[in-house]
N, C-alpha and C. Protein backbone atom coordinates (compact mmCIF):
# COMPACT_ATOMS: atom_id res chain seq x y z
N UNK A 1 -27.86 -44.66 105.85
CA UNK A 1 -27.62 -43.53 105.21
C UNK A 1 -26.48 -43.22 104.78
N UNK A 2 -25.46 -43.11 105.81
CA UNK A 2 -24.23 -43.08 104.46
C UNK A 2 -23.58 -43.94 103.86
N UNK A 3 -24.10 -44.92 103.59
CA UNK A 3 -23.79 -45.46 102.46
C UNK A 3 -24.91 -45.22 101.10
N UNK A 4 -26.65 -45.20 101.55
CA UNK A 4 -26.79 -44.32 100.63
C UNK A 4 -26.19 -43.18 100.06
N UNK A 5 -25.83 -42.36 100.85
CA UNK A 5 -24.99 -41.06 100.22
C UNK A 5 -23.74 -41.45 99.96
N UNK A 6 -22.93 -42.35 99.98
CA UNK A 6 -21.94 -42.76 99.45
C UNK A 6 -22.62 -43.29 97.89
N UNK A 7 -23.06 -44.35 97.83
CA UNK A 7 -23.72 -44.60 96.30
C UNK A 7 -24.29 -43.57 95.82
N UNK A 8 -24.82 -42.71 95.91
CA UNK A 8 -25.42 -41.18 95.51
C UNK A 8 -24.43 -40.22 94.74
N UNK A 9 -22.75 -40.60 95.32
CA UNK A 9 -22.13 -39.63 95.13
C UNK A 9 -20.95 -40.34 93.87
N UNK A 10 -21.13 -41.62 94.30
CA UNK A 10 -20.27 -42.23 93.68
C UNK A 10 -20.72 -42.47 92.13
N UNK A 11 -22.16 -42.33 91.67
CA UNK A 11 -23.26 -42.63 90.80
C UNK A 11 -23.14 -40.88 89.95
N UNK A 12 -22.71 -40.39 90.46
CA UNK A 12 -22.88 -38.81 90.36
C UNK A 12 -21.20 -38.99 89.53
N UNK A 13 -20.21 -38.96 90.18
CA UNK A 13 -18.84 -39.03 90.07
C UNK A 13 -18.87 -40.31 88.27
N UNK A 14 -19.68 -41.20 88.37
CA UNK A 14 -19.74 -41.75 87.35
C UNK A 14 -20.07 -41.64 86.18
N UNK A 15 -20.95 -40.42 86.22
CA UNK A 15 -21.87 -40.29 85.78
C UNK A 15 -21.00 -38.71 84.89
N UNK A 16 -20.37 -38.29 86.16
CA UNK A 16 -19.40 -37.41 85.30
C UNK A 16 -18.54 -37.62 84.36
N UNK A 17 -18.23 -38.99 85.00
CA UNK A 17 -16.90 -39.49 83.87
C UNK A 17 -17.07 -39.62 82.37
N UNK A 18 -18.38 -40.75 82.33
CA UNK A 18 -18.67 -41.49 80.92
C UNK A 18 -18.80 -39.69 80.55
N UNK A 19 -19.77 -39.00 81.10
CA UNK A 19 -20.51 -37.77 80.27
C UNK A 19 -19.15 -37.06 79.66
N UNK A 20 -17.76 -37.24 79.93
CA UNK A 20 -16.27 -36.36 79.80
C UNK A 20 -16.04 -37.95 78.80
N UNK A 21 -16.07 -38.85 78.25
CA UNK A 21 -15.50 -39.19 77.52
C UNK A 21 -15.75 -38.98 75.57
N UNK A 22 -15.30 -39.44 75.20
CA UNK A 22 -15.64 -39.09 73.56
C UNK A 22 -16.07 -40.44 73.00
N UNK A 23 -17.04 -40.73 72.47
CA UNK A 23 -17.50 -41.86 72.21
C UNK A 23 -16.68 -42.76 70.71
N UNK A 24 -16.59 -43.73 71.23
CA UNK A 24 -14.98 -44.27 69.73
C UNK A 24 -15.46 -44.09 68.46
N UNK A 25 -15.01 -44.14 67.53
CA UNK A 25 -15.43 -43.96 66.16
C UNK A 25 -15.31 -44.80 65.42
N UNK A 26 -16.66 -45.24 64.95
CA UNK A 26 -16.38 -46.73 63.75
C UNK A 26 -15.36 -46.59 62.49
N UNK A 27 -14.79 -47.58 62.50
CA UNK A 27 -14.22 -46.87 61.33
C UNK A 27 -14.30 -48.55 60.52
N UNK A 28 -15.23 -48.47 59.10
CA UNK A 28 -15.58 -49.46 58.23
C UNK A 28 -14.76 -49.48 57.17
N UNK A 29 -14.73 -50.41 57.12
CA UNK A 29 -14.16 -50.53 55.80
C UNK A 29 -15.20 -51.04 54.17
N UNK A 30 -16.09 -51.02 54.42
CA UNK A 30 -17.45 -51.16 54.27
C UNK A 30 -17.94 -49.63 52.85
N UNK A 31 -18.73 -49.56 51.87
CA UNK A 31 -19.01 -48.68 51.26
C UNK A 31 -20.46 -48.50 52.39
N UNK A 32 -20.35 -46.65 52.05
CA UNK A 32 -22.05 -46.13 52.18
C UNK A 32 -23.14 -47.40 52.23
N UNK A 33 -24.44 -47.18 52.79
CA UNK A 33 -25.19 -47.98 52.11
C UNK A 33 -25.88 -47.08 50.78
N UNK A 34 -25.90 -46.02 50.97
CA UNK A 34 -25.77 -45.11 49.73
C UNK A 34 -25.48 -46.19 48.25
N UNK A 35 -23.98 -46.29 48.44
CA UNK A 35 -22.85 -46.45 47.12
C UNK A 35 -23.62 -48.05 46.86
N UNK A 36 -24.00 -48.47 48.48
CA UNK A 36 -23.35 -50.18 47.46
C UNK A 36 -25.00 -50.18 47.24
N UNK A 37 -26.38 -49.25 47.63
CA UNK A 37 -27.43 -49.66 46.71
C UNK A 37 -27.27 -49.41 45.30
N UNK A 38 -26.49 -48.21 45.13
CA UNK A 38 -26.25 -47.52 43.31
C UNK A 38 -25.70 -48.91 43.06
N UNK A 39 -24.73 -49.74 43.58
CA UNK A 39 -24.12 -51.20 42.90
C UNK A 39 -25.26 -52.18 42.74
N UNK A 40 -25.74 -51.95 43.55
CA UNK A 40 -26.91 -53.29 43.61
C UNK A 40 -28.16 -52.70 42.67
N UNK A 41 -28.28 -51.66 42.43
CA UNK A 41 -29.16 -50.95 41.63
C UNK A 41 -28.62 -51.25 39.80
N UNK A 42 -27.40 -50.96 39.87
CA UNK A 42 -26.32 -51.06 38.63
C UNK A 42 -26.48 -52.44 38.07
N UNK A 43 -26.36 -53.67 39.61
CA UNK A 43 -26.35 -55.03 39.12
C UNK A 43 -27.41 -55.92 38.56
N UNK A 44 -28.54 -55.00 39.31
CA UNK A 44 -29.57 -56.00 38.68
C UNK A 44 -30.33 -55.01 37.34
N UNK A 45 -30.25 -53.90 36.61
CA UNK A 45 -29.83 -53.02 35.50
C UNK A 45 -28.41 -54.31 34.46
N UNK A 46 -27.87 -54.53 34.97
CA UNK A 46 -27.50 -55.07 33.89
C UNK A 46 -27.81 -57.16 33.94
N UNK A 47 -28.44 -57.56 35.21
CA UNK A 47 -28.71 -58.53 34.54
C UNK A 47 -30.10 -58.38 33.96
N UNK A 48 -30.60 -57.60 33.86
CA UNK A 48 -31.96 -57.50 33.51
C UNK A 48 -31.89 -57.30 31.65
N UNK A 49 -31.01 -56.43 31.72
CA UNK A 49 -30.01 -56.33 29.84
C UNK A 49 -29.59 -57.74 29.33
N UNK A 50 -28.69 -58.54 30.26
CA UNK A 50 -28.02 -59.76 29.43
C UNK A 50 -29.21 -61.10 29.96
N UNK A 51 -29.88 -60.49 30.16
CA UNK A 51 -31.14 -61.93 29.94
C UNK A 51 -31.90 -61.33 28.49
N UNK A 52 -32.00 -60.16 28.99
CA UNK A 52 -32.59 -60.06 27.25
C UNK A 52 -32.13 -59.47 26.49
N UNK A 53 -30.80 -59.46 26.66
CA UNK A 53 -29.81 -59.90 25.00
C UNK A 53 -30.39 -61.17 25.18
N UNK A 54 -29.65 -62.44 26.10
CA UNK A 54 -30.13 -63.59 25.81
C UNK A 54 -30.96 -64.35 24.74
N UNK A 55 -31.83 -63.70 25.56
CA UNK A 55 -33.28 -63.92 24.71
C UNK A 55 -33.35 -62.85 23.30
N UNK A 56 -32.92 -62.35 22.91
CA UNK A 56 -32.62 -62.19 21.55
C UNK A 56 -32.39 -63.16 20.89
N UNK A 57 -30.88 -63.31 21.18
CA UNK A 57 -30.09 -64.33 20.42
C UNK A 57 -30.66 -65.28 20.35
N UNK A 58 -31.01 -66.41 21.50
CA UNK A 58 -31.88 -67.31 21.06
C UNK A 58 -33.24 -67.30 20.07
N UNK A 59 -33.65 -65.98 20.50
CA UNK A 59 -34.69 -65.79 18.73
C UNK A 59 -33.83 -65.55 17.65
N UNK A 60 -33.05 -65.23 17.54
CA UNK A 60 -32.48 -65.50 16.22
C UNK A 60 -31.45 -66.21 15.94
N UNK A 61 -31.49 -66.88 17.27
CA UNK A 61 -30.84 -68.59 16.68
C UNK A 61 -29.17 -68.70 17.01
N UNK A 62 -29.15 -67.84 17.78
CA UNK A 62 -27.23 -67.59 18.12
C UNK A 62 -27.05 -68.26 19.05
N UNK A 63 -27.29 -69.03 19.23
CA UNK A 63 -27.35 -70.08 20.03
C UNK A 63 -25.74 -69.81 21.43
N UNK A 64 -24.60 -69.60 20.37
CA UNK A 64 -22.99 -69.22 21.23
C UNK A 64 -23.19 -67.91 22.12
N UNK A 65 -23.71 -67.01 21.66
CA UNK A 65 -23.65 -65.59 22.02
C UNK A 65 -24.70 -65.67 23.55
N UNK A 66 -26.05 -66.50 23.29
CA UNK A 66 -26.94 -66.36 23.95
C UNK A 66 -26.77 -67.16 25.33
N UNK A 67 -25.42 -67.90 25.24
CA UNK A 67 -25.03 -68.55 26.25
C UNK A 67 -24.02 -67.45 26.72
N UNK A 68 -23.27 -67.25 25.57
CA UNK A 68 -21.71 -65.50 26.68
C UNK A 68 -23.50 -64.73 27.36
N UNK A 69 -24.04 -64.28 26.87
CA UNK A 69 -25.03 -63.39 27.34
C UNK A 69 -25.15 -64.06 29.11
N UNK A 70 -26.07 -65.28 28.83
CA UNK A 70 -26.34 -66.17 30.05
C UNK A 70 -25.03 -66.48 30.98
N UNK A 71 -23.90 -66.37 30.86
CA UNK A 71 -22.53 -66.41 31.41
C UNK A 71 -22.48 -65.12 32.00
N UNK A 72 -22.73 -64.11 31.50
CA UNK A 72 -22.39 -62.70 32.21
C UNK A 72 -23.60 -62.63 32.83
N UNK A 73 -24.75 -62.51 32.78
CA UNK A 73 -25.92 -62.86 33.39
C UNK A 73 -26.23 -63.46 34.75
N UNK A 74 -25.57 -64.73 34.76
CA UNK A 74 -25.16 -65.65 36.00
C UNK A 74 -23.94 -64.68 36.78
N UNK A 75 -22.98 -64.15 36.60
CA UNK A 75 -21.84 -63.28 36.87
C UNK A 75 -23.17 -61.92 37.94
N UNK A 76 -23.73 -61.42 37.18
CA UNK A 76 -24.60 -60.35 37.43
C UNK A 76 -25.18 -60.90 38.74
N UNK A 77 -26.16 -61.67 38.91
CA UNK A 77 -26.62 -62.70 39.41
C UNK A 77 -25.76 -62.86 41.05
N UNK A 78 -25.14 -63.00 40.65
CA UNK A 78 -23.96 -63.61 41.83
C UNK A 78 -23.74 -62.25 42.70
N UNK A 79 -22.71 -61.07 41.82
CA UNK A 79 -22.79 -59.63 42.26
C UNK A 79 -24.75 -59.23 43.03
N UNK A 80 -25.35 -59.81 42.36
CA UNK A 80 -26.52 -59.23 43.54
C UNK A 80 -26.64 -59.46 44.75
N UNK A 81 -26.50 -60.95 44.67
CA UNK A 81 -25.89 -61.85 45.71
C UNK A 81 -25.89 -61.58 47.13
N UNK A 82 -24.74 -61.10 46.55
CA UNK A 82 -23.47 -60.58 47.83
C UNK A 82 -23.74 -59.32 48.28
N UNK A 83 -24.40 -58.20 46.92
CA UNK A 83 -24.34 -56.65 47.32
C UNK A 83 -26.14 -57.51 48.46
N UNK A 84 -26.69 -57.99 48.47
CA UNK A 84 -27.75 -58.55 48.81
C UNK A 84 -27.39 -58.97 50.37
N UNK A 85 -26.27 -59.83 50.54
CA UNK A 85 -26.37 -59.99 51.89
C UNK A 85 -25.29 -58.60 52.40
N UNK A 86 -24.53 -58.27 52.27
CA UNK A 86 -23.96 -57.20 52.63
C UNK A 86 -25.44 -55.80 53.27
N UNK A 87 -26.16 -55.64 52.51
CA UNK A 87 -27.34 -54.55 53.34
C UNK A 87 -28.38 -54.99 53.47
N UNK A 88 -28.22 -56.32 54.00
CA UNK A 88 -28.97 -57.01 55.13
C UNK A 88 -28.03 -57.08 56.19
N UNK A 89 -27.02 -57.49 55.97
CA UNK A 89 -26.56 -56.65 57.20
C UNK A 89 -26.22 -55.45 57.71
N UNK A 90 -26.44 -54.65 57.38
CA UNK A 90 -26.62 -53.14 57.39
C UNK A 90 -27.71 -52.69 58.10
N UNK A 91 -28.87 -53.83 57.70
CA UNK A 91 -30.18 -53.36 58.40
C UNK A 91 -31.10 -52.84 57.19
N UNK A 92 -31.36 -53.43 55.83
CA UNK A 92 -31.90 -53.20 55.07
C UNK A 92 -32.73 -54.20 55.06
N UNK A 93 -34.47 -54.08 54.39
CA UNK A 93 -34.61 -55.41 54.63
C UNK A 93 -35.77 -55.30 52.71
N UNK A 94 -35.28 -56.36 52.34
CA UNK A 94 -35.45 -56.59 50.93
C UNK A 94 -34.89 -55.72 50.26
N UNK A 95 -33.18 -55.69 50.13
CA UNK A 95 -32.79 -54.61 49.14
C UNK A 95 -32.94 -54.69 47.94
N UNK A 96 -33.05 -56.54 47.30
CA UNK A 96 -33.00 -56.51 45.91
C UNK A 96 -34.64 -56.27 45.13
N UNK A 97 -35.37 -55.94 46.19
CA UNK A 97 -36.56 -56.19 45.87
C UNK A 97 -36.62 -54.29 45.85
N UNK A 98 -36.52 -53.40 46.71
CA UNK A 98 -36.28 -52.31 46.97
C UNK A 98 -35.16 -51.55 45.84
N UNK A 99 -33.84 -52.43 45.33
CA UNK A 99 -33.48 -51.85 43.72
C UNK A 99 -34.23 -51.98 42.82
N UNK A 100 -34.69 -52.85 42.58
CA UNK A 100 -35.31 -53.30 41.33
C UNK A 100 -37.21 -51.77 41.23
N UNK A 101 -37.56 -51.55 42.61
CA UNK A 101 -38.05 -50.37 42.44
C UNK A 101 -37.72 -49.20 41.96
N UNK A 102 -36.62 -49.12 42.92
CA UNK A 102 -35.60 -47.75 42.42
C UNK A 102 -35.61 -47.98 40.65
N UNK A 103 -35.27 -48.69 40.11
CA UNK A 103 -35.27 -48.97 38.61
C UNK A 103 -36.29 -47.99 37.71
N UNK A 104 -37.22 -49.20 38.73
CA UNK A 104 -38.10 -48.77 37.51
C UNK A 104 -38.69 -47.34 37.60
N UNK A 105 -38.96 -46.56 39.32
CA UNK A 105 -38.82 -45.26 38.62
C UNK A 105 -38.19 -44.55 38.36
N UNK A 106 -37.42 -44.73 38.26
CA UNK A 106 -36.20 -44.35 37.31
C UNK A 106 -36.15 -43.88 36.28
N UNK A 107 -36.39 -45.19 35.60
CA UNK A 107 -36.94 -45.39 33.82
C UNK A 107 -38.16 -44.58 33.55
N UNK A 108 -39.39 -44.63 34.80
CA UNK A 108 -40.35 -43.77 34.55
C UNK A 108 -39.90 -42.69 34.77
N UNK A 109 -39.36 -42.04 35.54
CA UNK A 109 -38.80 -40.61 35.04
C UNK A 109 -37.88 -40.20 34.01
N UNK A 110 -37.27 -41.43 33.85
CA UNK A 110 -36.63 -40.67 31.97
C UNK A 110 -37.66 -40.78 30.81
N UNK A 111 -38.76 -41.66 30.62
CA UNK A 111 -39.57 -41.82 30.08
C UNK A 111 -40.43 -40.01 29.99
N UNK A 112 -40.67 -39.67 30.95
CA UNK A 112 -41.67 -38.93 31.32
C UNK A 112 -40.48 -37.63 31.14
N UNK A 113 -38.97 -37.16 30.66
CA UNK A 113 -38.55 -36.33 30.92
C UNK A 113 -38.24 -36.21 29.01
N UNK A 114 -38.48 -37.34 28.82
CA UNK A 114 -38.22 -37.41 27.64
C UNK A 114 -39.29 -37.19 26.67
N UNK A 115 -40.80 -37.17 27.07
CA UNK A 115 -41.98 -36.87 26.91
C UNK A 115 -41.93 -35.40 26.22
N UNK A 116 -41.19 -34.90 28.06
CA UNK A 116 -41.09 -33.47 27.85
C UNK A 116 -40.34 -32.70 27.06
N UNK A 117 -39.50 -33.18 26.59
CA UNK A 117 -38.29 -32.71 25.71
C UNK A 117 -38.95 -32.77 24.47
N UNK A 118 -39.71 -33.76 24.07
CA UNK A 118 -40.43 -33.74 22.83
C UNK A 118 -41.63 -32.90 22.28
N UNK A 119 -42.61 -32.91 23.50
CA UNK A 119 -43.49 -32.46 23.54
C UNK A 119 -42.75 -30.50 22.56
N UNK A 120 -41.94 -30.22 23.81
CA UNK A 120 -41.06 -28.97 23.62
C UNK A 120 -40.69 -28.35 22.20
N UNK A 121 -39.75 -29.86 22.05
CA UNK A 121 -39.88 -29.58 20.16
C UNK A 121 -40.64 -29.27 19.20
N UNK A 122 -41.94 -30.29 19.49
CA UNK A 122 -42.80 -30.25 18.67
C UNK A 122 -43.57 -28.38 18.54
N UNK A 123 -43.82 -28.02 19.89
CA UNK A 123 -43.99 -26.89 20.19
C UNK A 123 -43.17 -25.45 19.59
N UNK A 124 -41.63 -25.87 19.39
CA UNK A 124 -40.91 -24.96 18.74
C UNK A 124 -40.83 -25.07 17.54
N UNK A 125 -41.06 -26.38 17.10
CA UNK A 125 -41.20 -26.13 15.51
C UNK A 125 -42.43 -25.26 14.78
N UNK A 126 -43.52 -25.51 15.67
CA UNK A 126 -44.65 -25.11 15.61
C UNK A 126 -44.48 -23.42 15.33
N UNK A 127 -43.89 -22.86 16.57
CA UNK A 127 -43.95 -21.73 16.59
C UNK A 127 -43.19 -21.03 15.57
N UNK A 128 -42.30 -22.01 15.37
CA UNK A 128 -41.27 -21.48 13.99
C UNK A 128 -41.79 -21.61 12.33
N UNK A 129 -42.52 -22.64 12.21
CA UNK A 129 -43.64 -22.69 11.72
C UNK A 129 -44.56 -21.26 11.56
N UNK A 130 -45.59 -20.69 12.34
CA UNK A 130 -45.91 -19.70 12.35
C UNK A 130 -45.22 -18.55 12.31
N UNK A 131 -43.76 -18.81 12.70
CA UNK A 131 -42.87 -17.26 12.09
C UNK A 131 -41.87 -17.45 11.15
N UNK A 132 -42.42 -17.90 10.48
CA UNK A 132 -41.91 -18.32 9.23
C UNK A 132 -40.44 -18.66 9.20
N UNK A 133 -39.72 -19.21 10.05
CA UNK A 133 -38.42 -19.16 10.09
C UNK A 133 -38.41 -20.65 9.96
N UNK A 134 -38.12 -21.34 8.82
CA UNK A 134 -38.33 -23.00 8.18
C UNK A 134 -36.46 -23.29 8.37
N UNK A 135 -35.30 -22.88 8.43
CA UNK A 135 -34.03 -23.31 9.26
C UNK A 135 -34.36 -23.37 10.46
N UNK A 136 -34.90 -23.11 11.49
CA UNK A 136 -35.54 -23.36 12.86
C UNK A 136 -36.50 -24.33 13.25
N UNK A 137 -37.37 -23.90 12.18
CA UNK A 137 -38.32 -25.43 11.70
C UNK A 137 -38.10 -26.46 11.47
N UNK A 138 -36.74 -26.25 10.66
CA UNK A 138 -36.06 -27.27 9.95
C UNK A 138 -35.40 -28.28 11.37
N UNK A 139 -34.48 -27.36 12.04
CA UNK A 139 -33.54 -28.01 13.17
C UNK A 139 -34.77 -28.68 14.67
N UNK A 140 -35.70 -28.18 14.83
CA UNK A 140 -36.41 -28.37 15.85
C UNK A 140 -37.08 -29.87 15.32
N UNK A 141 -36.89 -30.15 13.91
CA UNK A 141 -37.94 -30.96 13.30
C UNK A 141 -36.90 -32.65 13.28
N UNK A 142 -35.72 -32.07 13.43
CA UNK A 142 -34.87 -32.73 13.25
C UNK A 142 -34.49 -33.07 15.03
N UNK A 143 -34.49 -32.58 15.91
CA UNK A 143 -34.16 -32.55 17.33
C UNK A 143 -35.19 -33.41 17.49
N UNK A 144 -36.99 -32.90 17.35
CA UNK A 144 -37.84 -34.00 17.26
C UNK A 144 -38.17 -35.56 17.24
N UNK A 145 -37.09 -35.68 15.94
CA UNK A 145 -36.61 -36.95 15.49
C UNK A 145 -36.53 -38.08 16.43
N UNK A 146 -35.10 -37.31 16.79
CA UNK A 146 -34.03 -37.56 17.56
C UNK A 146 -34.72 -37.67 19.16
N UNK A 147 -35.25 -36.95 19.96
CA UNK A 147 -36.09 -37.18 21.18
C UNK A 147 -37.37 -38.47 20.80
N UNK A 148 -37.32 -38.47 19.57
CA UNK A 148 -38.37 -39.87 19.41
C UNK A 148 -38.31 -41.32 19.71
N UNK A 149 -36.62 -40.99 19.19
CA UNK A 149 -36.16 -42.06 18.76
C UNK A 149 -35.73 -42.58 20.48
N UNK A 150 -35.29 -41.55 21.03
CA UNK A 150 -34.89 -42.01 22.86
C UNK A 150 -35.66 -42.23 23.15
N UNK A 151 -37.52 -41.52 23.05
CA UNK A 151 -38.00 -41.91 24.23
C UNK A 151 -38.09 -43.46 23.72
N UNK A 152 -38.29 -44.33 22.34
CA UNK A 152 -38.94 -44.97 22.05
C UNK A 152 -37.87 -46.11 23.09
N UNK A 153 -36.69 -45.59 22.17
CA UNK A 153 -35.37 -46.38 23.37
C UNK A 153 -35.64 -46.67 25.13
N UNK A 154 -35.64 -45.29 25.29
CA UNK A 154 -36.50 -45.39 26.65
C UNK A 154 -37.59 -46.36 27.06
N UNK A 155 -38.54 -46.07 26.37
CA UNK A 155 -40.29 -47.31 26.60
C UNK A 155 -39.19 -48.50 26.45
N UNK A 156 -38.32 -48.99 25.62
CA UNK A 156 -37.91 -50.45 25.71
C UNK A 156 -37.30 -50.75 26.67
N UNK A 157 -36.31 -49.64 27.26
CA UNK A 157 -35.56 -49.86 28.22
C UNK A 157 -36.19 -50.45 29.72
N UNK A 158 -37.21 -49.32 29.58
CA UNK A 158 -38.38 -49.51 30.99
C UNK A 158 -39.01 -50.85 31.20
N UNK A 159 -39.76 -51.11 29.37
CA UNK A 159 -40.25 -52.56 29.60
C UNK A 159 -39.30 -53.51 30.28
N UNK A 160 -37.98 -53.43 29.24
CA UNK A 160 -37.03 -54.25 30.01
C UNK A 160 -36.99 -54.80 31.01
N UNK A 161 -37.05 -53.49 31.99
CA UNK A 161 -36.86 -53.39 33.83
C UNK A 161 -38.14 -53.98 34.09
N UNK A 162 -39.21 -54.21 33.24
CA UNK A 162 -39.98 -54.92 34.32
C UNK A 162 -41.19 -53.68 34.66
N UNK A 163 -41.11 -52.38 33.81
CA UNK A 163 -41.92 -51.69 34.42
C UNK A 163 -43.96 -52.01 33.51
N UNK A 164 -44.73 -51.86 34.26
CA UNK A 164 -45.77 -53.07 33.84
C UNK A 164 -46.97 -51.81 33.35
N UNK A 165 -46.75 -50.60 34.18
CA UNK A 165 -47.12 -49.59 33.91
C UNK A 165 -47.48 -49.10 32.74
N UNK A 166 -48.46 -48.91 31.08
CA UNK A 166 -48.67 -48.71 30.08
C UNK A 166 -47.73 -47.53 29.86
N UNK A 167 -47.12 -46.87 29.48
CA UNK A 167 -46.59 -46.22 28.45
C UNK A 167 -46.77 -45.28 27.54
N UNK A 168 -47.37 -44.52 27.30
CA UNK A 168 -48.51 -44.60 26.39
C UNK A 168 -46.94 -43.57 25.44
N UNK A 169 -46.44 -43.87 24.41
CA UNK A 169 -45.71 -43.35 23.10
C UNK A 169 -46.04 -42.62 22.89
N UNK A 170 -45.75 -41.24 22.03
CA UNK A 170 -45.84 -40.19 21.60
C UNK A 170 -46.63 -39.89 19.96
């Protein structure tokens, strides 16, 4: 009986001692996962861009520039592999697939925003025409033309990054 009481008292004292100690702070030299994912997304996008530039140069017949672009793509691919290993060690499953998905989502959002801006510029132009404000209508028309160029560029980039969903042109 005495042993059980002493054991219970010892357990309470040890629990109280552990409760008073502060947990050790973990200092890590690696950047947070958010920063690493951002870096991985940038590497994936850069890789896609370099591969597309190399393909365009090959189609033009400029093999020297294509080799340079492919070498840069190879460097980006090595960065992707390094980031992938780091993120996998942090506990993220399929980091490259996740980064590619996030790039595609960002591209679709960019296209949707550009479409909304173009629609707003066209509505402003129509309102200015009805109101008889010719200079305002011309300014809105110029803004709409710029937005249309941006929209086309965004759609090209989205297709380059692998967005398969059909993005309607305005």
